[in-house]
């Protein structure tokens, strides 16, 4: 995909995206659910607190033990473009 196509793609669903802050309670929640990857636990804590439907991550070993489903960027794009 060319950079212009990526930009147009992102703009097409940007109203549905939320950029969430990392707060102290997210870190504390992650500590209580820490398994193999602390960063994954923090991101999952943020997603849970903000009622996210899913987490998009290129990390093939994302620890999705608790929280919303984890999909790769490719999976997300395929599903988005198919609709």
PDB file of N, CA and C in Angstrom:
ATOM      1  N   UNK A   1       0.839  -1.173   0.000  1.00  0.00           N
ATOM      2  CA  UNK A   1       0.000   0.000   0.000  1.00  0.00           C
ATOM      3  C   UNK A   1       0.890   1.245   0.000  1.00  0.00           C
ATOM      4  N   UNK A   2       0.534   2.227  -0.809  1.00  0.00           N
ATOM      5  CA  UNK A   2       1.275   3.488  -0.830  1.00  0.00           C
ATOM      6  C   UNK A   2       0.842   4.353   0.346  1.00  0.00           C
ATOM      7  N   UNK A   3       1.718   5.285   0.719  1.00  0.00           N
ATOM      8  CA  UNK A   3       1.457   6.121   1.898  1.00  0.00           C
ATOM      9  C   UNK A   3       0.142   6.895   1.772  1.00  0.00           C
ATOM     10  N   UNK A   4      -0.207   7.363   0.572  1.00  0.00           N
ATOM     11  CA  UNK A   4      -1.483   8.068   0.388  1.00  0.00           C
ATOM     12  C   UNK A   4      -2.667   7.141   0.635  1.00  0.00           C
ATOM     13  N   UNK A   5      -2.540   5.891   0.193  1.00  0.00           N
ATOM     14  CA  UNK A   5      -3.609   4.921   0.404  1.00  0.00           C
ATOM     15  C   UNK A   5      -3.771   4.622   1.895  1.00  0.00           C
ATOM     16  N   UNK A   6      -2.654   4.503   2.593  1.00  0.00           N
ATOM     17  CA  UNK A   6      -2.702   4.260   4.035  1.00  0.00           C
ATOM     18  C   UNK A   6      -3.376   5.440   4.732  1.00  0.00           C
ATOM     19  N   UNK A   7      -2.997   6.656   4.337  1.00  0.00           N
ATOM     20  CA  UNK A   7      -3.607   7.855   4.926  1.00  0.00           C
ATOM     21  C   UNK A   7      -5.102   7.897   4.693  1.00  0.00           C
ATOM     22  N   UNK A   8      -5.538   7.593   3.490  1.00  0.00           N
ATOM     23  CA  UNK A   8      -6.969   7.583   3.172  1.00  0.00           C
ATOM     24  C   UNK A   8      -7.686   6.500   3.974  1.00  0.00           C
ATOM     25  N   UNK A   9      -7.041   5.355   4.109  1.00  0.00           N
ATOM     26  CA  UNK A   9      -7.614   4.253   4.885  1.00  0.00           C
ATOM     27  C   UNK A   9      -7.823   4.667   6.338  1.00  0.00           C
ATOM     28  N   UNK A  10      -6.798   5.264   6.932  1.00  0.00           N
ATOM     29  CA  UNK A  10      -6.880   5.686   8.333  1.00  0.00           C
ATOM     30  C   UNK A  10      -7.948   6.762   8.499  1.00  0.00           C
ATOM     31  N   UNK A  11      -8.001   7.711   7.592  1.00  0.00           N
ATOM     32  CA  UNK A  11      -9.018   8.766   7.679  1.00  0.00           C
ATOM     33  C   UNK A  11     -10.427   8.203   7.570  1.00  0.00           C
ATOM     34  N   UNK A  12     -10.601   7.149   6.794  1.00  0.00           N
ATOM     35  CA  UNK A  12     -11.936   6.593   6.585  1.00  0.00           C
ATOM     36  C   UNK A  12     -12.556   6.033   7.858  1.00  0.00           C
ATOM     37  N   UNK A  13     -11.744   5.618   8.816  1.00  0.00           N
ATOM     38  CA  UNK A  13     -12.309   5.127  10.063  1.00  0.00           C
ATOM     39  C   UNK A  13     -11.787   5.870  11.288  1.00  0.00           C
ATOM     40  N   UNK A  14     -11.172   7.031  11.093  1.00  0.00           N
ATOM     41  CA  UNK A  14     -10.575   7.766  12.209  1.00  0.00           C
ATOM     42  C   UNK A  14     -11.595   8.230  13.241  1.00  0.00           C
ATOM     43  N   UNK A  15     -12.842   8.436  12.841  1.00  0.00           N
ATOM     44  CA  UNK A  15     -13.869   8.836  13.806  1.00  0.00           C
ATOM     45  C   UNK A  15     -14.218   7.704  14.765  1.00  0.00           C
ATOM     46  N   UNK A  16     -13.849   6.489  14.403  1.00  0.00           N
ATOM     47  CA  UNK A  16     -14.121   5.334  15.260  1.00  0.00           C
ATOM     48  C   UNK A  16     -12.962   5.016  16.189  1.00  0.00           C
ATOM     49  N   UNK A  17     -11.833   5.695  16.007  1.00  0.00           N
ATOM     50  CA  UNK A  17     -10.646   5.408  16.806  1.00  0.00           C
ATOM     51  C   UNK A  17     -10.562   6.321  18.014  1.00  0.00           C
ATOM     52  N   UNK A  18     -10.053   5.768  19.097  1.00  0.00           N
ATOM     53  CA  UNK A  18      -9.812   6.549  20.297  1.00  0.00           C
ATOM     54  C   UNK A  18      -8.369   6.311  20.716  1.00  0.00           C
ATOM     55  N   UNK A  19      -7.646   7.379  20.979  1.00  0.00           N
ATOM     56  CA  UNK A  19      -6.304   7.269  21.534  1.00  0.00           C
ATOM     57  C   UNK A  19      -6.452   7.464  23.034  1.00  0.00           C
ATOM     58  N   UNK A  20      -6.055   6.456  23.790  1.00  0.00           N
ATOM     59  CA  UNK A  20      -6.283   6.449  25.234  1.00  0.00           C
ATOM     60  C   UNK A  20      -4.992   6.750  25.989  1.00  0.00           C
ATOM     61  N   UNK A  21      -5.134   7.480  27.080  1.00  0.00           N
ATOM     62  CA  UNK A  21      -4.004   7.771  27.955  1.00  0.00           C
ATOM     63  C   UNK A  21      -3.701   6.553  28.830  1.00  0.00           C
ATOM     64  N   UNK A  22      -2.444   6.449  29.225  1.00  0.00           N
ATOM     65  CA  UNK A  22      -2.035   5.440  30.203  1.00  0.00           C
ATOM     66  C   UNK A  22      -2.029   6.101  31.569  1.00  0.00           C
ATOM     67  N   UNK A  23      -2.810   5.558  32.473  1.00  0.00           N
ATOM     68  CA  UNK A  23      -2.925   6.119  33.810  1.00  0.00           C
ATOM     69  C   UNK A  23      -2.346   5.149  34.841  1.00  0.00           C
ATOM     70  N   UNK A  24      -2.119   5.671  36.023  1.00  0.00           N
ATOM     71  CA  UNK A  24      -1.534   4.869  37.097  1.00  0.00           C
ATOM     72  C   UNK A  24      -2.339   3.596  37.354  1.00  0.00           C
ATOM     73  N   UNK A  25      -3.662   3.703  37.373  1.00  0.00           N
ATOM     74  CA  UNK A  25      -4.455   2.505  37.671  1.00  0.00           C
ATOM     75  C   UNK A  25      -4.342   1.449  36.575  1.00  0.00           C
ATOM     76  N   UNK A  26      -4.010   1.858  35.330  1.00  0.00           N
ATOM     77  CA  UNK A  26      -3.777   0.867  34.270  1.00  0.00           C
ATOM     78  C   UNK A  26      -2.528   0.051  34.582  1.00  0.00           C
ATOM     79  N   UNK A  27      -1.503   0.740  35.046  1.00  0.00           N
ATOM     80  CA  UNK A  27      -0.252   0.060  35.399  1.00  0.00           C
ATOM     81  C   UNK A  27      -0.484  -0.881  36.578  1.00  0.00           C
ATOM     82  N   UNK A  28      -1.231  -0.421  37.584  1.00  0.00           N
ATOM     83  CA  UNK A  28      -1.508  -1.263  38.743  1.00  0.00           C
ATOM     84  C   UNK A  28      -2.353  -2.482  38.356  1.00  0.00           C
ATOM     85  N   UNK A  29      -3.319  -2.277  37.472  1.00  0.00           N
ATOM     86  CA  UNK A  29      -4.124  -3.401  36.993  1.00  0.00           C
ATOM     87  C   UNK A  29      -3.253  -4.387  36.227  1.00  0.00           C
ATOM     88  N   UNK A  30      -2.345  -3.874  35.414  1.00  0.00           N
ATOM     89  CA  UNK A  30      -1.445  -4.731  34.638  1.00  0.00           C
ATOM     90  C   UNK A  30      -0.549  -5.557  35.558  1.00  0.00           C
ATOM     91  N   UNK A  31      -0.094  -4.948  36.635  1.00  0.00           N
ATOM     92  CA  UNK A  31       0.759  -5.674  37.585  1.00  0.00           C
ATOM     93  C   UNK A  31       0.006  -6.867  38.166  1.00  0.00           C
ATOM     94  N   UNK A  32      -1.274  -6.678  38.469  1.00  0.00           N
ATOM     95  CA  UNK A  32      -2.044  -7.774  39.064  1.00  0.00           C
ATOM     96  C   UNK A  32      -2.377  -8.865  38.051  1.00  0.00           C
ATOM     97  N   UNK A  33      -2.271  -8.567  36.751  1.00  0.00           N
ATOM     98  CA  UNK A  33      -2.556  -9.548  35.699  1.00  0.00           C
ATOM     99  C   UNK A  33      -1.316  -9.874  34.870  1.00  0.00           C
ATOM    100  N   UNK A  34      -0.152  -9.538  35.378  1.00  0.00           N
ATOM    101  CA  UNK A  34       1.075  -9.730  34.617  1.00  0.00           C
ATOM    102  C   UNK A  34       1.343 -11.210  34.384  1.00  0.00           C
ATOM    103  N   UNK A  35       1.561 -11.561  33.132  1.00  0.00           N
ATOM    104  CA  UNK A  35       1.912 -12.936  32.792  1.00  0.00           C
ATOM    105  C   UNK A  35       3.305 -12.932  32.182  1.00  0.00           C
ATOM    106  N   UNK A  36       3.390 -12.906  30.872  1.00  0.00           N
ATOM    107  CA  UNK A  36       4.687 -12.970  30.216  1.00  0.00           C
ATOM    108  C   UNK A  36       5.187 -11.620  29.730  1.00  0.00           C
ATOM    109  N   UNK A  37       4.292 -10.693  29.485  1.00  0.00           N
ATOM    110  CA  UNK A  37       4.698  -9.439  28.855  1.00  0.00           C
ATOM    111  C   UNK A  37       3.961  -8.272  29.524  1.00  0.00           C
ATOM    112  N   UNK A  38       4.696  -7.483  30.289  1.00  0.00           N
ATOM    113  CA  UNK A  38       4.102  -6.375  31.035  1.00  0.00           C
ATOM    114  C   UNK A  38       3.463  -5.356  30.098  1.00  0.00           C
ATOM    115  N   UNK A  39       4.120  -5.041  28.985  1.00  0.00           N
ATOM    116  CA  UNK A  39       3.565  -4.065  28.034  1.00  0.00           C
ATOM    117  C   UNK A  39       2.210  -4.534  27.501  1.00  0.00           C
ATOM    118  N   UNK A  40       2.091  -5.809  27.180  1.00  0.00           N
ATOM    119  CA  UNK A  40       0.808  -6.350  26.721  1.00  0.00           C
ATOM    120  C   UNK A  40      -0.252  -6.189  27.804  1.00  0.00           C
ATOM    121  N   UNK A  41       0.140  -6.429  29.053  1.00  0.00           N
ATOM    122  CA  UNK A  41      -0.801  -6.311  30.169  1.00  0.00           C
ATOM    123  C   UNK A  41      -1.267  -4.869  30.341  1.00  0.00           C
ATOM    124  N   UNK A  42      -0.365  -3.894  30.178  1.00  0.00           N
ATOM    125  CA  UNK A  42      -0.745  -2.478  30.285  1.00  0.00           C
ATOM    126  C   UNK A  42      -1.723  -2.122  29.164  1.00  0.00           C
ATOM    127  N   UNK A  43      -1.398  -2.515  27.936  1.00  0.00           N
ATOM    128  CA  UNK A  43      -2.288  -2.208  26.803  1.00  0.00           C
ATOM    129  C   UNK A  43      -3.654  -2.852  26.992  1.00  0.00           C
ATOM    130  N   UNK A  44      -3.679  -4.073  27.490  1.00  0.00           N
ATOM    131  CA  UNK A  44      -4.946  -4.754  27.727  1.00  0.00           C
ATOM    132  C   UNK A  44      -5.741  -4.053  28.825  1.00  0.00           C
ATOM    133  N   UNK A  45      -5.063  -3.609  29.872  1.00  0.00           N
ATOM    134  CA  UNK A  45      -5.728  -2.880  30.951  1.00  0.00           C
ATOM    135  C   UNK A  45      -6.385  -1.608  30.429  1.00  0.00           C
ATOM    136  N   UNK A  46      -5.684  -0.896  29.570  1.00  0.00           N
ATOM    137  CA  UNK A  46      -6.224   0.325  28.969  1.00  0.00           C
ATOM    138  C   UNK A  46      -7.445  -0.016  28.112  1.00  0.00           C
ATOM    139  N   UNK A  47      -7.338  -1.087  27.326  1.00  0.00           N
ATOM    140  CA  UNK A  47      -8.452  -1.500  26.463  1.00  0.00           C
ATOM    141  C   UNK A  47      -9.682  -1.866  27.281  1.00  0.00           C
ATOM    142  N   UNK A  48      -9.489  -2.589  28.365  1.00  0.00           N
ATOM    143  CA  UNK A  48     -10.610  -2.974  29.229  1.00  0.00           C
ATOM    144  C   UNK A  48     -11.266  -1.737  29.833  1.00  0.00           C
ATOM    145  N   UNK A  49     -10.452  -0.834  30.352  1.00  0.00           N
ATOM    146  CA  UNK A  49     -10.965   0.366  31.014  1.00  0.00           C
ATOM    147  C   UNK A  49     -11.727   1.274  30.056  1.00  0.00           C
ATOM    148  N   UNK A  50     -11.389   1.214  28.770  1.00  0.00           N
ATOM    149  CA  UNK A  50     -12.029   2.069  27.776  1.00  0.00           C
ATOM    150  C   UNK A  50     -13.049   1.317  26.916  1.00  0.00           C
ATOM    151  N   UNK A  51     -13.428   0.119  27.350  1.00  0.00           N
ATOM    152  CA  UNK A  51     -14.456  -0.684  26.684  1.00  0.00           C
ATOM    153  C   UNK A  51     -14.165  -0.916  25.201  1.00  0.00           C
ATOM    154  N   UNK A  52     -12.903  -1.173  24.882  1.00  0.00           N
ATOM    155  CA  UNK A  52     -12.512  -1.426  23.490  1.00  0.00           C
ATOM    156  C   UNK A  52     -13.051  -2.774  23.027  1.00  0.00           C
ATOM    157  N   UNK A  53     -13.405  -2.845  21.752  1.00  0.00           N
ATOM    158  CA  UNK A  53     -13.916  -4.085  21.173  1.00  0.00           C
ATOM    159  C   UNK A  53     -12.801  -5.071  20.871  1.00  0.00           C
ATOM    160  N   UNK A  54     -11.621  -4.542  20.561  1.00  0.00           N
ATOM    161  CA  UNK A  54     -10.487  -5.399  20.235  1.00  0.00           C
ATOM    162  C   UNK A  54      -9.187  -4.620  20.359  1.00  0.00           C
ATOM    163  N   UNK A  55      -8.088  -5.353  20.320  1.00  0.00           N
ATOM    164  CA  UNK A  55      -6.753  -4.763  20.328  1.00  0.00           C
ATOM    165  C   UNK A  55      -6.099  -5.139  19.012  1.00  0.00           C
ATOM    166  N   UNK A  56      -5.557  -4.154  18.307  1.00  0.00           N
ATOM    167  CA  UNK A  56      -4.832  -4.409  17.071  1.00  0.00           C
ATOM    168  C   UNK A  56      -3.352  -4.359  17.405  1.00  0.00           C
ATOM    169  N   UNK A  57      -2.668  -5.477  17.163  1.00  0.00           N
ATOM    170  CA  UNK A  57      -1.247  -5.542  17.499  1.00  0.00           C
ATOM    171  C   UNK A  57      -0.503  -6.411  16.490  1.00  0.00           C
ATOM    172  N   UNK A  58       0.679  -5.950  16.129  1.00  0.00           N
ATOM    173  CA  UNK A  58       1.556  -6.727  15.260  1.00  0.00           C
ATOM    174  C   UNK A  58       2.396  -7.720  16.031  1.00  0.00           C
ATOM    175  N   UNK A  59       2.272  -7.707  17.358  1.00  0.00           N
ATOM    176  CA  UNK A  59       3.014  -8.616  18.232  1.00  0.00           C
ATOM    177  C   UNK A  59       2.373  -9.999  18.154  1.00  0.00           C
ATOM    178  N   UNK A  60       3.032 -10.927  17.463  1.00  0.00           N
ATOM    179  CA  UNK A  60       2.469 -12.265  17.264  1.00  0.00           C
ATOM    180  C   UNK A  60       2.326 -13.038  18.570  1.00  0.00           C
ATOM    181  N   UNK A  61       3.030 -12.599  19.603  1.00  0.00           N
ATOM    182  CA  UNK A  61       2.960 -13.290  20.884  1.00  0.00           C
ATOM    183  C   UNK A  61       2.262 -12.439  21.949  1.00  0.00           C
ATOM    184  N   UNK A  62       1.377 -11.541  21.509  1.00  0.00           N
ATOM    185  CA  UNK A  62       0.632 -10.693  22.441  1.00  0.00           C
ATOM    186  C   UNK A  62      -0.108 -11.579  23.419  1.00  0.00           C
ATOM    187  N   UNK A  63       0.039 -11.294  24.697  1.00  0.00           N
ATOM    188  CA  UNK A  63      -0.607 -12.084  25.736  1.00  0.00           C
ATOM    189  C   UNK A  63      -2.039 -11.599  25.910  1.00  0.00           C
ATOM    190  N   UNK A  64      -2.961 -12.212  25.194  1.00  0.00           N
ATOM    191  CA  UNK A  64      -4.362 -11.834  25.258  1.00  0.00           C
ATOM    192  C   UNK A  64      -5.144 -12.696  26.226  1.00  0.00           C
ATOM    193  N   UNK A  65      -4.516 -13.076  27.330  1.00  0.00           N
ATOM    194  CA  UNK A  65      -5.134 -13.964  28.308  1.00  0.00           C
ATOM    195  C   UNK A  65      -6.402 -13.359  28.906  1.00  0.00           C
ATOM    196  N   UNK A  66      -6.387 -12.061  29.137  1.00  0.00           N
ATOM    197  CA  UNK A  66      -7.579 -11.398  29.656  1.00  0.00           C
ATOM    198  C   UNK A  66      -7.843 -10.193  28.770  1.00  0.00           C
ATOM    199  N   UNK A  67      -9.095  -9.809  28.658  1.00  0.00           N
ATOM    200  CA  UNK A  67      -9.415  -8.633  27.859  1.00  0.00           C
ATOM    201  C   UNK A  67      -9.995  -8.954  26.504  1.00  0.00           C
ATOM    202  N   UNK A  68     -10.113  -7.906  25.677  1.00  0.00           N
ATOM    203  CA  UNK A  68     -10.732  -8.074  24.352  1.00  0.00           C
ATOM    204  C   UNK A  68      -9.838  -8.901  23.422  1.00  0.00           C
ATOM    205  N   UNK A  69     -10.404  -9.416  22.337  1.00  0.00           N
ATOM    206  CA  UNK A  69      -9.617 -10.200  21.386  1.00  0.00           C
ATOM    207  C   UNK A  69      -8.490  -9.361  20.775  1.00  0.00           C
ATOM    208  N   UNK A  70      -7.415 -10.034  20.410  1.00  0.00           N
ATOM    209  CA  UNK A  70      -6.262  -9.393  19.780  1.00  0.00           C
ATOM    210  C   UNK A  70      -6.214  -9.852  18.331  1.00  0.00           C
ATOM    211  N   UNK A  71      -6.162  -8.876  17.401  1.00  0.00           N
ATOM    212  CA  UNK A  71      -6.048  -9.195  15.976  1.00  0.00           C
ATOM    213  C   UNK A  71      -4.841  -8.474  15.401  1.00  0.00           C
ATOM    214  N   UNK A  72      -4.265  -9.055  14.367  1.00  0.00           N
ATOM    215  CA  UNK A  72      -3.126  -8.425  13.707  1.00  0.00           C
ATOM    216  C   UNK A  72      -3.628  -7.284  12.820  1.00  0.00           C
ATOM    217  N   UNK A  73      -2.744  -6.348  12.466  1.00  0.00           N
ATOM    218  CA  UNK A  73      -3.153  -5.291  11.540  1.00  0.00           C
ATOM    219  C   UNK A  73      -3.675  -5.865  10.223  1.00  0.00           C
ATOM    220  N   UNK A  74      -3.052  -6.944   9.737  1.00  0.00           N
ATOM    221  CA  UNK A  74      -3.511  -7.570   8.488  1.00  0.00           C
ATOM    222  C   UNK A  74      -4.928  -8.115   8.627  1.00  0.00           C
ATOM    223  N   UNK A  75      -5.195  -8.803   9.736  1.00  0.00           N
ATOM    224  CA  UNK A  75      -6.542  -9.340   9.970  1.00  0.00           C
ATOM    225  C   UNK A  75      -7.568  -8.210  10.029  1.00  0.00           C
ATOM    226  N   UNK A  76      -7.218  -7.142  10.732  1.00  0.00           N
ATOM    227  CA  UNK A  76      -8.126  -6.014  10.856  1.00  0.00           C
ATOM    228  C   UNK A  76      -8.407  -5.397   9.486  1.00  0.00           C
ATOM    229  N   UNK A  77      -7.359  -5.171   8.703  1.00  0.00           N
ATOM    230  CA  UNK A  77      -7.532  -4.559   7.368  1.00  0.00           C
ATOM    231  C   UNK A  77      -8.364  -5.439   6.457  1.00  0.00           C
ATOM    232  N   UNK A  78      -8.110  -6.744   6.485  1.00  0.00           N
ATOM    233  CA  UNK A  78      -8.907  -7.654   5.645  1.00  0.00           C
ATOM    234  C   UNK A  78     -10.383  -7.565   6.020  1.00  0.00           C
ATOM    235  N   UNK A  79     -10.667  -7.570   7.308  1.00  0.00           N
ATOM    236  CA  UNK A  79     -12.057  -7.517   7.753  1.00  0.00           C
ATOM    237  C   UNK A  79     -12.670  -6.155   7.420  1.00  0.00           C
ATOM    238  N   UNK A  80     -11.910  -5.080   7.609  1.00  0.00           N
ATOM    239  CA  UNK A  80     -12.419  -3.737   7.342  1.00  0.00           C
ATOM    240  C   UNK A  80     -12.731  -3.566   5.853  1.00  0.00           C
ATOM    241  N   UNK A  81     -11.841  -4.034   4.988  1.00  0.00           N
ATOM    242  CA  UNK A  81     -12.031  -3.862   3.557  1.00  0.00           C
ATOM    243  C   UNK A  81     -13.115  -4.773   2.999  1.00  0.00           C
ATOM    244  N   UNK A  82     -13.370  -5.892   3.656  1.00  0.00           N
ATOM    245  CA  UNK A  82     -14.395  -6.817   3.186  1.00  0.00           C
ATOM    246  C   UNK A  82     -15.793  -6.304   3.457  1.00  0.00           C
ATOM    247  N   UNK A  83     -15.939  -5.405   4.456  1.00  0.00           N
ATOM    248  CA  UNK A  83     -17.279  -4.895   4.805  1.00  0.00           C
ATOM    249  C   UNK A  83     -17.737  -3.856   3.876  1.00  0.00           C
TER     250      UNK A  83
END
